[in-house]
C-alpha cells in the first residue's frame, strides 16, 4: 500500500502544480509555481499539516517541491535551540543532499549537452 499512496499523493501534488500553471495568467511562470509550492510546503510543515502526509505517502510527499519546503522547516526547527545560526544550519543540513544532487546534475548536464538555440 505504501507504493500506492506514494503514487497517489505524488501524482496529486504534481497534477495540482500543473493545474496552477495552466489555469493562471501567462505571467505566472514555472518559477512562480516552484516558489509557491516550496513556500506552501514550508507553511504546511510549520503548522504540522505536512508531517501526516509524509507519514502516509513517504517519497510521494517528500520528493515533490512542497517536500523541500517541509524539509527546510523541519531542519530549521531542529536547529532552533542554537539560535539564528542553528536555524540556518539546520535548514541547510536537512536539504544538503538534494541541493548537492541538483547542482551536480546541472553541472553534468551543462558539460555533456549543447543547448538548442
PDB file of N, CA and C in Angstrom:
ATOM      1  N   UNK A   1       0.805  -1.203   0.000  1.00  0.00           N
ATOM      2  CA  UNK A   1       0.000   0.000   0.000  1.00  0.00           C
ATOM      3  C   UNK A   1       0.851   1.270   0.000  1.00  0.00           C
ATOM      4  N   UNK A   2       2.090   1.169   0.491  1.00  0.00           N
ATOM      5  CA  UNK A   2       2.923   2.374   0.544  1.00  0.00           C
ATOM      6  C   UNK A   2       3.231   2.887  -0.864  1.00  0.00           C
ATOM      7  N   UNK A   3       3.421   1.976  -1.813  1.00  0.00           N
ATOM      8  CA  UNK A   3       3.659   2.409  -3.196  1.00  0.00           C
ATOM      9  C   UNK A   3       2.422   3.103  -3.759  1.00  0.00           C
ATOM     10  N   UNK A   4       1.279   2.564  -3.432  1.00  0.00           N
ATOM     11  CA  UNK A   4       0.022   3.139  -3.908  1.00  0.00           C
ATOM     12  C   UNK A   4      -0.127   4.574  -3.416  1.00  0.00           C
ATOM     13  N   UNK A   5       0.059   4.798  -2.104  1.00  0.00           N
ATOM     14  CA  UNK A   5      -0.113   6.140  -1.548  1.00  0.00           C
ATOM     15  C   UNK A   5       0.966   7.091  -2.036  1.00  0.00           C
ATOM     16  N   UNK A   6       2.169   6.596  -2.227  1.00  0.00           N
ATOM     17  CA  UNK A   6       3.226   7.451  -2.774  1.00  0.00           C
ATOM     18  C   UNK A   6       2.850   7.915  -4.180  1.00  0.00           C
ATOM     19  N   UNK A   7       2.326   6.995  -4.970  1.00  0.00           N
ATOM     20  CA  UNK A   7       1.915   7.330  -6.335  1.00  0.00           C
ATOM     21  C   UNK A   7       0.755   8.314  -6.326  1.00  0.00           C
ATOM     22  N   UNK A   8      -0.259   8.070  -5.505  1.00  0.00           N
ATOM     23  CA  UNK A   8      -1.449   8.922  -5.474  1.00  0.00           C
ATOM     24  C   UNK A   8      -1.102  10.324  -4.977  1.00  0.00           C
ATOM     25  N   UNK A   9      -0.374  10.416  -3.870  1.00  0.00           N
ATOM     26  CA  UNK A   9      -0.060  11.735  -3.303  1.00  0.00           C
ATOM     27  C   UNK A   9       0.923  12.492  -4.188  1.00  0.00           C
ATOM     28  N   UNK A  10       1.981  11.825  -4.641  1.00  0.00           N
ATOM     29  CA  UNK A  10       2.935  12.476  -5.532  1.00  0.00           C
ATOM     30  C   UNK A  10       2.281  12.923  -6.826  1.00  0.00           C
ATOM     31  N   UNK A  11       1.440  12.072  -7.380  1.00  0.00           N
ATOM     32  CA  UNK A  11       0.722  12.428  -8.599  1.00  0.00           C
ATOM     33  C   UNK A  11      -0.240  13.577  -8.389  1.00  0.00           C
ATOM     34  N   UNK A  12      -0.908  13.600  -7.242  1.00  0.00           N
ATOM     35  CA  UNK A  12      -1.841  14.687  -6.943  1.00  0.00           C
ATOM     36  C   UNK A  12      -1.102  16.020  -6.789  1.00  0.00           C
ATOM     37  N   UNK A  13       0.045  15.996  -6.126  1.00  0.00           N
ATOM     38  CA  UNK A  13       0.820  17.229  -5.973  1.00  0.00           C
ATOM     39  C   UNK A  13       1.299  17.748  -7.327  1.00  0.00           C
ATOM     40  N   UNK A  14       1.778  16.842  -8.170  1.00  0.00           N
ATOM     41  CA  UNK A  14       2.252  17.250  -9.496  1.00  0.00           C
ATOM     42  C   UNK A  14       1.102  17.723 -10.381  1.00  0.00           C
ATOM     43  N   UNK A  15      -0.039  17.061 -10.280  1.00  0.00           N
ATOM     44  CA  UNK A  15      -1.215  17.478 -11.041  1.00  0.00           C
ATOM     45  C   UNK A  15      -1.679  18.855 -10.599  1.00  0.00           C
ATOM     46  N   UNK A  16      -1.667  19.090  -9.289  1.00  0.00           N
ATOM     47  CA  UNK A  16      -2.053  20.390  -8.765  1.00  0.00           C
ATOM     48  C   UNK A  16      -1.120  21.485  -9.274  1.00  0.00           C
ATOM     49  N   UNK A  17       0.171  21.214  -9.295  1.00  0.00           N
ATOM     50  CA  UNK A  17       1.129  22.196  -9.814  1.00  0.00           C
ATOM     51  C   UNK A  17       0.866  22.484 -11.291  1.00  0.00           C
ATOM     52  N   UNK A  18       0.578  21.454 -12.066  1.00  0.00           N
ATOM     53  CA  UNK A  18       0.300  21.649 -13.494  1.00  0.00           C
ATOM     54  C   UNK A  18      -0.976  22.446 -13.692  1.00  0.00           C
ATOM     55  N   UNK A  19      -1.988  22.175 -12.878  1.00  0.00           N
ATOM     56  CA  UNK A  19      -3.232  22.938 -12.978  1.00  0.00           C
ATOM     57  C   UNK A  19      -3.013  24.405 -12.634  1.00  0.00           C
ATOM     58  N   UNK A  20      -2.227  24.677 -11.599  1.00  0.00           N
ATOM     59  CA  UNK A  20      -1.914  26.068 -11.249  1.00  0.00           C
ATOM     60  C   UNK A  20      -1.219  26.744 -12.424  1.00  0.00           C
ATOM     61  N   UNK A  21      -0.292  26.044 -13.039  1.00  0.00           N
ATOM     62  CA  UNK A  21       0.430  26.614 -14.181  1.00  0.00           C
ATOM     63  C   UNK A  21      -0.495  26.851 -15.369  1.00  0.00           C
ATOM     64  N   UNK A  22      -1.389  25.906 -15.636  1.00  0.00           N
ATOM     65  CA  UNK A  22      -2.268  26.016 -16.799  1.00  0.00           C
ATOM     66  C   UNK A  22      -3.408  27.012 -16.614  1.00  0.00           C
ATOM     67  N   UNK A  23      -3.877  27.190 -15.388  1.00  0.00           N
ATOM     68  CA  UNK A  23      -5.076  27.989 -15.156  1.00  0.00           C
ATOM     69  C   UNK A  23      -4.812  29.404 -14.664  1.00  0.00           C
ATOM     70  N   UNK A  24      -3.549  29.787 -14.561  1.00  0.00           N
ATOM     71  CA  UNK A  24      -3.226  31.145 -14.125  1.00  0.00           C
ATOM     72  C   UNK A  24      -2.793  31.972 -15.328  1.00  0.00           C
ATOM     73  N   UNK A  25      -2.763  33.294 -15.174  1.00  0.00           N
ATOM     74  CA  UNK A  25      -2.357  34.157 -16.297  1.00  0.00           C
ATOM     75  C   UNK A  25      -0.957  33.799 -16.793  1.00  0.00           C
ATOM     76  N   UNK A  26      -0.662  34.119 -18.050  1.00  0.00           N
ATOM     77  CA  UNK A  26       0.635  33.762 -18.644  1.00  0.00           C
ATOM     78  C   UNK A  26       1.837  34.336 -17.896  1.00  0.00           C
ATOM     79  N   UNK A  27       1.663  35.402 -17.154  1.00  0.00           N
ATOM     80  CA  UNK A  27       2.808  35.965 -16.442  1.00  0.00           C
ATOM     81  C   UNK A  27       3.193  35.133 -15.217  1.00  0.00           C
ATOM     82  N   UNK A  28       2.383  34.144 -14.870  1.00  0.00           N
ATOM     83  CA  UNK A  28       2.665  33.231 -13.762  1.00  0.00           C
ATOM     84  C   UNK A  28       3.488  32.070 -14.332  1.00  0.00           C
ATOM     85  N   UNK A  29       4.802  32.130 -14.154  1.00  0.00           N
ATOM     86  CA  UNK A  29       5.720  31.211 -14.829  1.00  0.00           C
ATOM     87  C   UNK A  29       5.980  29.940 -14.006  1.00  0.00           C
ATOM     88  N   UNK A  30       6.777  29.046 -14.581  1.00  0.00           N
ATOM     89  CA  UNK A  30       7.171  27.830 -13.869  1.00  0.00           C
ATOM     90  C   UNK A  30       7.922  28.164 -12.586  1.00  0.00           C
ATOM     91  N   UNK A  31       8.727  29.204 -12.629  1.00  0.00           N
ATOM     92  CA  UNK A  31       9.452  29.637 -11.439  1.00  0.00           C
ATOM     93  C   UNK A  31       8.509  30.079 -10.329  1.00  0.00           C
ATOM     94  N   UNK A  32       7.445  30.770 -10.700  1.00  0.00           N
ATOM     95  CA  UNK A  32       6.454  31.179  -9.710  1.00  0.00           C
ATOM     96  C   UNK A  32       5.814  29.954  -9.056  1.00  0.00           C
ATOM     97  N   UNK A  33       5.472  28.956  -9.862  1.00  0.00           N
ATOM     98  CA  UNK A  33       4.842  27.745  -9.330  1.00  0.00           C
ATOM     99  C   UNK A  33       5.815  27.012  -8.407  1.00  0.00           C
ATOM    100  N   UNK A  34       7.077  26.948  -8.794  1.00  0.00           N
ATOM    101  CA  UNK A  34       8.069  26.278  -7.948  1.00  0.00           C
ATOM    102  C   UNK A  34       8.178  26.964  -6.588  1.00  0.00           C
ATOM    103  N   UNK A  35       8.309  28.278  -6.597  1.00  0.00           N
ATOM    104  CA  UNK A  35       8.431  29.020  -5.342  1.00  0.00           C
ATOM    105  C   UNK A  35       7.154  28.873  -4.516  1.00  0.00           C
ATOM    106  N   UNK A  36       5.999  28.964  -5.162  1.00  0.00           N
ATOM    107  CA  UNK A  36       4.726  28.817  -4.468  1.00  0.00           C
ATOM    108  C   UNK A  36       4.646  27.475  -3.748  1.00  0.00           C
ATOM    109  N   UNK A  37       5.024  26.404  -4.422  1.00  0.00           N
ATOM    110  CA  UNK A  37       4.905  25.081  -3.820  1.00  0.00           C
ATOM    111  C   UNK A  37       5.930  24.850  -2.708  1.00  0.00           C
ATOM    112  N   UNK A  38       7.114  25.398  -2.838  1.00  0.00           N
ATOM    113  CA  UNK A  38       8.093  25.295  -1.751  1.00  0.00           C
ATOM    114  C   UNK A  38       7.584  26.056  -0.529  1.00  0.00           C
ATOM    115  N   UNK A  39       7.065  27.249  -0.745  1.00  0.00           N
ATOM    116  CA  UNK A  39       6.554  28.055   0.368  1.00  0.00           C
ATOM    117  C   UNK A  39       5.333  27.382   1.012  1.00  0.00           C
ATOM    118  N   UNK A  40       4.431  26.848   0.202  1.00  0.00           N
ATOM    119  CA  UNK A  40       3.271  26.142   0.760  1.00  0.00           C
ATOM    120  C   UNK A  40       3.700  24.925   1.566  1.00  0.00           C
ATOM    121  N   UNK A  41       4.707  24.201   1.098  1.00  0.00           N
ATOM    122  CA  UNK A  41       5.227  23.062   1.858  1.00  0.00           C
ATOM    123  C   UNK A  41       5.853  23.499   3.167  1.00  0.00           C
ATOM    124  N   UNK A  42       6.545  24.638   3.143  1.00  0.00           N
ATOM    125  CA  UNK A  42       7.154  25.165   4.368  1.00  0.00           C
ATOM    126  C   UNK A  42       6.083  25.596   5.362  1.00  0.00           C
ATOM    127  N   UNK A  43       5.060  26.270   4.881  1.00  0.00           N
ATOM    128  CA  UNK A  43       3.976  26.705   5.766  1.00  0.00           C
ATOM    129  C   UNK A  43       3.247  25.498   6.347  1.00  0.00           C
ATOM    130  N   UNK A  44       2.914  24.531   5.495  1.00  0.00           N
ATOM    131  CA  UNK A  44       2.230  23.326   5.974  1.00  0.00           C
ATOM    132  C   UNK A  44       3.100  22.558   6.963  1.00  0.00           C
ATOM    133  N   UNK A  45       4.403  22.524   6.716  1.00  0.00           N
ATOM    134  CA  UNK A  45       5.313  21.861   7.649  1.00  0.00           C
ATOM    135  C   UNK A  45       5.385  22.587   8.978  1.00  0.00           C
ATOM    136  N   UNK A  46       5.441  23.904   8.930  1.00  0.00           N
ATOM    137  CA  UNK A  46       5.489  24.691  10.155  1.00  0.00           C
ATOM    138  C   UNK A  46       4.226  24.567  10.986  1.00  0.00           C
ATOM    139  N   UNK A  47       3.096  24.389  10.332  1.00  0.00           N
ATOM    140  CA  UNK A  47       1.821  24.231  11.036  1.00  0.00           C
ATOM    141  C   UNK A  47       1.555  22.792  11.452  1.00  0.00           C
ATOM    142  N   UNK A  48       2.453  21.883  11.067  1.00  0.00           N
ATOM    143  CA  UNK A  48       2.274  20.476  11.422  1.00  0.00           C
ATOM    144  C   UNK A  48       1.309  19.723  10.531  1.00  0.00           C
ATOM    145  N   UNK A  49       0.948  20.308   9.397  1.00  0.00           N
ATOM    146  CA  UNK A  49      -0.010  19.676   8.491  1.00  0.00           C
ATOM    147  C   UNK A  49       0.640  18.749   7.473  1.00  0.00           C
ATOM    148  N   UNK A  50       1.925  18.932   7.209  1.00  0.00           N
ATOM    149  CA  UNK A  50       2.577  18.144   6.158  1.00  0.00           C
ATOM    150  C   UNK A  50       3.125  16.825   6.687  1.00  0.00           C
ATOM    151  N   UNK A  51       3.475  16.753   7.953  1.00  0.00           N
ATOM    152  CA  UNK A  51       4.027  15.522   8.543  1.00  0.00           C
ATOM    153  C   UNK A  51       3.108  14.314   8.334  1.00  0.00           C
ATOM    154  N   UNK A  52       1.769  14.426   8.591  1.00  0.00           N
ATOM    155  CA  UNK A  52       0.903  13.263   8.334  1.00  0.00           C
ATOM    156  C   UNK A  52       0.924  12.808   6.878  1.00  0.00           C
ATOM    157  N   UNK A  53       1.051  13.757   5.955  1.00  0.00           N
ATOM    158  CA  UNK A  53       1.120  13.404   4.539  1.00  0.00           C
ATOM    159  C   UNK A  53       2.406  12.643   4.240  1.00  0.00           C
ATOM    160  N   UNK A  54       3.511  13.065   4.855  1.00  0.00           N
ATOM    161  CA  UNK A  54       4.793  12.369   4.686  1.00  0.00           C
ATOM    162  C   UNK A  54       4.716  10.964   5.266  1.00  0.00           C
ATOM    163  N   UNK A  55       4.071  10.830   6.410  1.00  0.00           N
ATOM    164  CA  UNK A  55       3.940   9.503   7.027  1.00  0.00           C
ATOM    165  C   UNK A  55       3.063   8.585   6.199  1.00  0.00           C
ATOM    166  N   UNK A  56       2.059   9.139   5.528  1.00  0.00           N
ATOM    167  CA  UNK A  56       1.175   8.337   4.685  1.00  0.00           C
ATOM    168  C   UNK A  56       1.851   7.961   3.367  1.00  0.00           C
ATOM    169  N   UNK A  57       2.464   8.943   2.698  1.00  0.00           N
ATOM    170  CA  UNK A  57       2.921   8.748   1.325  1.00  0.00           C
ATOM    171  C   UNK A  57       4.426   8.604   1.167  1.00  0.00           C
ATOM    172  N   UNK A  58       5.213   8.843   2.190  1.00  0.00           N
ATOM    173  CA  UNK A  58       6.665   8.712   2.085  1.00  0.00           C
ATOM    174  C   UNK A  58       7.222   9.589   0.984  1.00  0.00           C
ATOM    175  N   UNK A  59       7.918   8.964   0.039  1.00  0.00           N
ATOM    176  CA  UNK A  59       8.562   9.706  -1.045  1.00  0.00           C
ATOM    177  C   UNK A  59       7.559  10.431  -1.933  1.00  0.00           C
ATOM    178  N   UNK A  60       6.322   9.990  -1.955  1.00  0.00           N
ATOM    179  CA  UNK A  60       5.303  10.693  -2.731  1.00  0.00           C
ATOM    180  C   UNK A  60       5.050  12.097  -2.217  1.00  0.00           C
ATOM    181  N   UNK A  61       5.387  12.333  -0.942  1.00  0.00           N
ATOM    182  CA  UNK A  61       5.223  13.661  -0.362  1.00  0.00           C
ATOM    183  C   UNK A  61       6.550  14.386  -0.186  1.00  0.00           C
ATOM    184  N   UNK A  62       7.652  13.661  -0.076  1.00  0.00           N
ATOM    185  CA  UNK A  62       8.934  14.323   0.172  1.00  0.00           C
ATOM    186  C   UNK A  62       9.690  14.692  -1.098  1.00  0.00           C
ATOM    187  N   UNK A  63       9.461  14.007  -2.190  1.00  0.00           N
ATOM    188  CA  UNK A  63      10.188  14.282  -3.428  1.00  0.00           C
ATOM    189  C   UNK A  63       9.661  15.517  -4.162  1.00  0.00           C
ATOM    190  N   UNK A  64       8.337  15.737  -4.285  1.00  0.00           N
ATOM    191  CA  UNK A  64       7.883  16.960  -4.952  1.00  0.00           C
ATOM    192  C   UNK A  64       8.292  18.219  -4.185  1.00  0.00           C
ATOM    193  N   UNK A  65       8.147  19.358  -4.808  1.00  0.00           N
ATOM    194  CA  UNK A  65       8.623  20.631  -4.245  1.00  0.00           C
ATOM    195  C   UNK A  65       8.099  20.979  -2.854  1.00  0.00           C
ATOM    196  N   UNK A  66       6.849  20.706  -2.511  1.00  0.00           N
ATOM    197  CA  UNK A  66       6.442  21.020  -1.140  1.00  0.00           C
ATOM    198  C   UNK A  66       7.271  20.253  -0.110  1.00  0.00           C
ATOM    199  N   UNK A  67       7.773  19.103  -0.475  1.00  0.00           N
ATOM    200  CA  UNK A  67       8.631  18.330   0.421  1.00  0.00           C
ATOM    201  C   UNK A  67       9.936  19.045   0.719  1.00  0.00           C
ATOM    202  N   UNK A  68      10.437  19.828  -0.226  1.00  0.00           N
ATOM    203  CA  UNK A  68      11.658  20.598   0.000  1.00  0.00           C
ATOM    204  C   UNK A  68      11.402  21.689   1.036  1.00  0.00           C
ATOM    205  N   UNK A  69      10.281  22.392   0.906  1.00  0.00           N
ATOM    206  CA  UNK A  69       9.921  23.405   1.889  1.00  0.00           C
ATOM    207  C   UNK A  69       9.715  22.791   3.264  1.00  0.00           C
ATOM    208  N   UNK A  70       9.080  21.627   3.298  1.00  0.00           N
ATOM    209  CA  UNK A  70       8.870  20.905   4.552  1.00  0.00           C
ATOM    210  C   UNK A  70      10.207  20.538   5.191  1.00  0.00           C
ATOM    211  N   UNK A  71      11.146  20.041   4.397  1.00  0.00           N
ATOM    212  CA  UNK A  71      12.459  19.655   4.925  1.00  0.00           C
ATOM    213  C   UNK A  71      13.215  20.866   5.464  1.00  0.00           C
ATOM    214  N   UNK A  72      13.117  22.001   4.779  1.00  0.00           N
ATOM    215  CA  UNK A  72      13.762  23.224   5.264  1.00  0.00           C
ATOM    216  C   UNK A  72      13.241  23.607   6.651  1.00  0.00           C
ATOM    217  N   UNK A  73      11.931  23.579   6.814  1.00  0.00           N
ATOM    218  CA  UNK A  73      11.328  23.955   8.096  1.00  0.00           C
ATOM    219  C   UNK A  73      11.667  22.937   9.177  1.00  0.00           C
ATOM    220  N   UNK A  74      11.611  21.654   8.849  1.00  0.00           N
ATOM    221  CA  UNK A  74      11.952  20.618   9.836  1.00  0.00           C
ATOM    222  C   UNK A  74      13.382  20.806  10.339  1.00  0.00           C
ATOM    223  N   UNK A  75      14.313  21.038   9.423  1.00  0.00           N
ATOM    224  CA  UNK A  75      15.702  21.258   9.813  1.00  0.00           C
ATOM    225  C   UNK A  75      15.875  22.528  10.625  1.00  0.00           C
ATOM    226  N   UNK A  76      15.183  23.581  10.221  1.00  0.00           N
ATOM    227  CA  UNK A  76      15.272  24.847  10.954  1.00  0.00           C
ATOM    228  C   UNK A  76      14.720  24.703  12.366  1.00  0.00           C
ATOM    229  N   UNK A  77      13.629  23.962  12.512  1.00  0.00           N
ATOM    230  CA  UNK A  77      13.055  23.758  13.845  1.00  0.00           C
ATOM    231  C   UNK A  77      13.977  22.928  14.732  1.00  0.00           C
ATOM    232  N   UNK A  78      14.661  21.953  14.139  1.00  0.00           N
ATOM    233  CA  UNK A  78      15.608  21.144  14.924  1.00  0.00           C
ATOM    234  C   UNK A  78      16.797  21.980  15.390  1.00  0.00           C
ATOM    235  N   UNK A  79      17.227  22.936  14.582  1.00  0.00           N
ATOM    236  CA  UNK A  79      18.372  23.764  14.934  1.00  0.00           C
ATOM    237  C   UNK A  79      18.015  25.022  15.703  1.00  0.00           C
ATOM    238  N   UNK A  80      16.727  25.241  15.952  1.00  0.00           N
ATOM    239  CA  UNK A  80      16.277  26.488  16.566  1.00  0.00           C
ATOM    240  C   UNK A  80      16.836  26.691  17.975  1.00  0.00           C
ATOM    241  N   UNK A  81      17.145  25.638  18.682  1.00  0.00           N
ATOM    242  CA  UNK A  81      17.684  25.767  20.030  1.00  0.00           C
ATOM    243  C   UNK A  81      19.068  26.387  20.063  1.00  0.00           C
ATOM    244  N   UNK A  82      19.728  26.462  18.920  1.00  0.00           N
ATOM    245  CA  UNK A  82      21.083  27.006  18.846  1.00  0.00           C
ATOM    246  C   UNK A  82      21.106  28.434  18.305  1.00  0.00           C
ATOM    247  N   UNK A  83      19.960  29.080  18.256  1.00  0.00           N
ATOM    248  CA  UNK A  83      19.889  30.459  17.794  1.00  0.00           C
ATOM    249  C   UNK A  83      19.769  30.565  16.283  1.00  0.00           C
ATOM    250  N   UNK A  84      20.029  31.761  15.782  1.00  0.00           N
ATOM    251  CA  UNK A  84      19.877  32.038  14.347  1.00  0.00           C
ATOM    252  C   UNK A  84      20.792  31.163  13.497  1.00  0.00           C
ATOM    253  N   UNK A  85      22.022  30.980  13.944  1.00  0.00           N
ATOM    254  CA  UNK A  85      22.947  30.129  13.183  1.00  0.00           C
ATOM    255  C   UNK A  85      22.427  28.689  13.126  1.00  0.00           C
ATOM    256  N   UNK A  86      21.842  28.213  14.192  1.00  0.00           N
ATOM    257  CA  UNK A  86      21.281  26.861  14.212  1.00  0.00           C
ATOM    258  C   UNK A  86      20.089  26.723  13.288  1.00  0.00           C
ATOM    259  N   UNK A  87      19.282  27.782  13.220  1.00  0.00           N
ATOM    260  CA  UNK A  87      18.127  27.758  12.321  1.00  0.00           C
ATOM    261  C   UNK A  87      18.592  27.658  10.873  1.00  0.00           C
ATOM    262  N   UNK A  88      19.560  28.494  10.494  1.00  0.00           N
ATOM    263  CA  UNK A  88      20.081  28.469   9.116  1.00  0.00           C
ATOM    264  C   UNK A  88      20.795  27.161   8.818  1.00  0.00           C
ATOM    265  N   UNK A  89      21.657  26.728   9.736  1.00  0.00           N
ATOM    266  CA  UNK A  89      22.417  25.497   9.520  1.00  0.00           C
ATOM    267  C   UNK A  89      21.498  24.283   9.493  1.00  0.00           C
ATOM    268  N   UNK A  90      20.467  24.272  10.334  1.00  0.00           N
ATOM    269  CA  UNK A  90      19.541  23.140  10.362  1.00  0.00           C
ATOM    270  C   UNK A  90      18.786  22.990   9.055  1.00  0.00           C
ATOM    271  N   UNK A  91      18.317  24.114   8.509  1.00  0.00           N
ATOM    272  CA  UNK A  91      17.609  24.058   7.229  1.00  0.00           C
ATOM    273  C   UNK A  91      18.509  23.602   6.103  1.00  0.00           C
ATOM    274  N   UNK A  92      19.747  24.101   6.092  1.00  0.00           N
ATOM    275  CA  UNK A  92      20.685  23.695   5.036  1.00  0.00           C
ATOM    276  C   UNK A  92      21.113  22.239   5.194  1.00  0.00           C
ATOM    277  N   UNK A  93      21.333  21.802   6.426  1.00  0.00           N
ATOM    278  CA  UNK A  93      21.741  20.409   6.648  1.00  0.00           C
ATOM    279  C   UNK A  93      20.647  19.441   6.220  1.00  0.00           C
ATOM    280  N   UNK A  94      19.399  19.815   6.465  1.00  0.00           N
ATOM    281  CA  UNK A  94      18.285  18.933   6.114  1.00  0.00           C
ATOM    282  C   UNK A  94      18.098  18.796   4.609  1.00  0.00           C
ATOM    283  N   UNK A  95      18.556  19.768   3.854  1.00  0.00           N
ATOM    284  CA  UNK A  95      18.351  19.749   2.399  1.00  0.00           C
ATOM    285  C   UNK A  95      19.649  19.637   1.615  1.00  0.00           C
ATOM    286  N   UNK A  96      20.753  19.403   2.298  1.00  0.00           N
ATOM    287  CA  UNK A  96      22.069  19.413   1.645  1.00  0.00           C
ATOM    288  C   UNK A  96      22.174  18.380   0.519  1.00  0.00           C
ATOM    289  N   UNK A  97      21.682  17.180   0.742  1.00  0.00           N
ATOM    290  CA  UNK A  97      21.790  16.142  -0.292  1.00  0.00           C
ATOM    291  C   UNK A  97      21.035  16.551  -1.553  1.00  0.00           C
ATOM    292  N   UNK A  98      19.804  17.028  -1.393  1.00  0.00           N
ATOM    293  CA  UNK A  98      19.017  17.451  -2.552  1.00  0.00           C
ATOM    294  C   UNK A  98      19.659  18.600  -3.299  1.00  0.00           C
ATOM    295  N   UNK A  99      20.195  19.558  -2.573  1.00  0.00           N
ATOM    296  CA  UNK A  99      20.864  20.691  -3.215  1.00  0.00           C
ATOM    297  C   UNK A  99      22.125  20.246  -3.948  1.00  0.00           C
ATOM    298  N   UNK A 100      22.881  19.356  -3.332  1.00  0.00           N
ATOM    299  CA  UNK A 100      24.106  18.853  -3.963  1.00  0.00           C
ATOM    300  C   UNK A 100      23.797  18.101  -5.251  1.00  0.00           C
ATOM    301  N   UNK A 101      22.794  17.244  -5.214  1.00  0.00           N
ATOM    302  CA  UNK A 101      22.414  16.487  -6.415  1.00  0.00           C
ATOM    303  C   UNK A 101      21.943  17.433  -7.517  1.00  0.00           C
ATOM    304  N   UNK A 102      21.185  18.457  -7.161  1.00  0.00           N
ATOM    305  CA  UNK A 102      20.703  19.411  -8.164  1.00  0.00           C
ATOM    306  C   UNK A 102      21.853  20.173  -8.807  1.00  0.00           C
ATOM    307  N   UNK A 103      22.797  20.627  -7.996  1.00  0.00           N
ATOM    308  CA  UNK A 103      23.930  21.379  -8.534  1.00  0.00           C
ATOM    309  C   UNK A 103      24.806  20.488  -9.407  1.00  0.00           C
ATOM    310  N   UNK A 104      25.125  19.291  -8.928  1.00  0.00           N
ATOM    311  CA  UNK A 104      25.965  18.384  -9.720  1.00  0.00           C
ATOM    312  C   UNK A 104      25.254  17.905 -10.978  1.00  0.00           C
ATOM    313  N   UNK A 105      23.950  17.677 -10.882  1.00  0.00           N
ATOM    314  CA  UNK A 105      23.184  17.297 -12.071  1.00  0.00           C
ATOM    315  C   UNK A 105      23.172  18.400 -13.110  1.00  0.00           C
ATOM    316  N   UNK A 106      23.012  19.640 -12.661  1.00  0.00           N
ATOM    317  CA  UNK A 106      23.061  20.779 -13.582  1.00  0.00           C
ATOM    318  C   UNK A 106      24.424  20.930 -14.229  1.00  0.00           C
ATOM    319  N   UNK A 107      25.474  20.749 -13.427  1.00  0.00           N
ATOM    320  CA  UNK A 107      26.837  20.839 -13.955  1.00  0.00           C
ATOM    321  C   UNK A 107      27.093  19.746 -14.989  1.00  0.00           C
ATOM    322  N   UNK A 108      26.716  18.528 -14.675  1.00  0.00           N
ATOM    323  CA  UNK A 108      26.917  17.408 -15.594  1.00  0.00           C
ATOM    324  C   UNK A 108      26.145  17.625 -16.893  1.00  0.00           C
ATOM    325  N   UNK A 109      24.910  18.096 -16.775  1.00  0.00           N
ATOM    326  CA  UNK A 109      24.101  18.362 -17.966  1.00  0.00           C
ATOM    327  C   UNK A 109      24.741  19.452 -18.824  1.00  0.00           C
ATOM    328  N   UNK A 110      25.240  20.504 -18.181  1.00  0.00           N
ATOM    329  CA  UNK A 110      25.881  21.597 -18.921  1.00  0.00           C
ATOM    330  C   UNK A 110      27.148  21.133 -19.630  1.00  0.00           C
ATOM    331  N   UNK A 111      27.870  20.208 -19.023  1.00  0.00           N
ATOM    332  CA  UNK A 111      29.105  19.716 -19.633  1.00  0.00           C
ATOM    333  C   UNK A 111      28.851  18.747 -20.779  1.00  0.00           C
ATOM    334  N   UNK A 112      27.775  17.962 -20.691  1.00  0.00           N
ATOM    335  CA  UNK A 112      27.527  16.914 -21.679  1.00  0.00           C
ATOM    336  C   UNK A 112      26.700  17.348 -22.895  1.00  0.00           C
ATOM    337  N   UNK A 113      25.862  18.363 -22.715  1.00  0.00           N
ATOM    338  CA  UNK A 113      24.921  18.697 -23.772  1.00  0.00           C
ATOM    339  C   UNK A 113      25.071  20.149 -24.214  1.00  0.00           C
ATOM    340  N   UNK A 114      24.799  20.391 -25.504  1.00  0.00           N
ATOM    341  CA  UNK A 114      24.791  21.740 -26.046  1.00  0.00           C
ATOM    342  C   UNK A 114      23.342  22.219 -26.130  1.00  0.00           C
ATOM    343  N   UNK A 115      23.076  23.460 -25.760  1.00  0.00           N
ATOM    344  CA  UNK A 115      21.711  23.957 -25.854  1.00  0.00           C
ATOM    345  C   UNK A 115      21.284  24.174 -27.302  1.00  0.00           C
ATOM    346  N   UNK A 116      20.001  23.993 -27.540  1.00  0.00           N
ATOM    347  CA  UNK A 116      19.453  24.320 -28.852  1.00  0.00           C
ATOM    348  C   UNK A 116      19.140  25.800 -28.848  1.00  0.00           C
ATOM    349  N   UNK A 117      19.420  26.471 -29.893  1.00  0.00           N
ATOM    350  CA  UNK A 117      19.061  27.890 -29.872  1.00  0.00           C
ATOM    351  C   UNK A 117      19.587  28.575 -31.004  1.00  0.00           C
TER     352      UNK A 117
END
